[in-house]
Protein backbone atom coordinates (compact mmCIF):
# COMPACT_ATOMS: atom_id res chain seq x y z
CA UNK A 1 95.55 99.19 64.75
CA UNK A 2 96.45 99.36 68.34
CA UNK A 3 98.04 103.11 68.56
CA UNK A 4 101.68 102.93 69.66
CA UNK A 5 102.43 102.48 73.10
CA UNK A 6 104.32 101.23 76.10
CA UNK A 7 103.15 98.39 78.12
CA UNK A 8 104.30 98.15 81.37
CA UNK A 9 102.00 97.24 83.64
CA UNK A 10 98.63 94.35 83.77
CA UNK A 11 96.19 97.20 83.45
CA UNK A 12 97.78 98.70 79.85
CA UNK A 13 97.35 95.90 78.25
CA UNK A 14 93.66 95.51 79.63
CA UNK A 15 93.64 98.80 78.99
CA UNK A 16 94.66 97.66 75.04
CA UNK A 17 92.08 94.61 75.09
CA UNK A 18 89.27 96.79 76.14
CA UNK A 19 89.98 98.55 73.04
CA UNK A 20 89.08 95.58 71.61
CA UNK A 21 85.95 94.95 73.83
CA UNK A 22 87.85 91.97 75.30
CA UNK A 23 87.42 92.70 79.02
CA UNK A 24 88.50 89.22 80.82
CA UNK A 25 87.07 88.44 84.65
CA UNK A 26 87.10 84.99 85.94
CA UNK A 27 88.04 86.09 89.86
CA UNK A 28 91.02 84.08 90.12
CA UNK A 29 94.07 86.48 89.09
CA UNK A 30 96.21 83.90 87.48
CA UNK A 31 93.48 82.56 85.26
CA UNK A 32 93.10 85.92 84.38
CA UNK A 33 96.17 86.45 82.62
CA UNK A 34 96.35 83.18 81.05
CA UNK A 35 93.31 84.02 78.99
CA UNK A 36 94.14 87.74 78.44
CA UNK A 37 97.30 85.66 76.66
CA UNK A 38 94.50 83.93 74.70
CA UNK A 39 92.87 86.41 73.83
CA UNK A 40 95.77 89.14 72.67
CA UNK A 41 96.79 85.44 70.32
CA UNK A 42 93.40 86.09 69.09
CA UNK A 43 94.05 89.57 68.26
CA UNK A 44 97.39 88.81 66.68
CA UNK A 45 96.85 85.43 64.50
CA UNK A 46 93.41 88.31 63.28
CA UNK A 47 95.49 90.37 61.90
CA UNK A 48 94.75 93.87 64.32
CA UNK A 49 97.38 94.17 66.75
CA UNK A 50 100.91 93.86 65.20
CA UNK A 51 104.23 92.44 65.98
CA UNK A 52 105.81 95.06 68.47
CA UNK A 53 102.72 95.91 69.99
CA UNK A 54 101.78 91.60 70.67
CA UNK A 55 104.79 91.37 71.75
CA UNK A 56 105.40 94.21 74.31
CA UNK A 57 101.71 92.45 75.95
CA UNK A 58 103.19 88.71 75.89
CA UNK A 59 106.20 89.99 77.98
CA UNK A 60 103.42 91.69 80.14
CA UNK A 61 101.53 88.89 80.48
CA UNK A 62 104.46 86.21 81.38
CA UNK A 63 105.84 88.57 83.84
CA UNK A 64 102.79 88.29 85.93
CA UNK A 65 102.31 85.51 85.07
CA UNK A 66 105.59 84.57 87.19
CA UNK A 67 104.89 86.78 89.44
CA UNK A 68 101.82 85.33 90.20
CA UNK A 69 102.93 81.87 89.92
CA UNK A 70 105.73 82.57 93.46
CA UNK A 71 102.75 84.61 95.24
CA UNK A 72 100.72 81.88 95.04
CA UNK A 73 102.93 79.04 96.51
């Protein structure tokens, strides 16, 4: 399990994924965020990330996704 910590930025979520050797870089920030969300879902389903961590990281990813969509329009 990941150590309990706060997840406030996309960087924080990247560091969480890195703990499981998940490195995401597609080249477009929006796609990176979407792929991080998929990877996070997979880690949660596999039982390696607890519910609290999953929910905090998911909220960050949703927020970043919304902001990135606004930026690109």
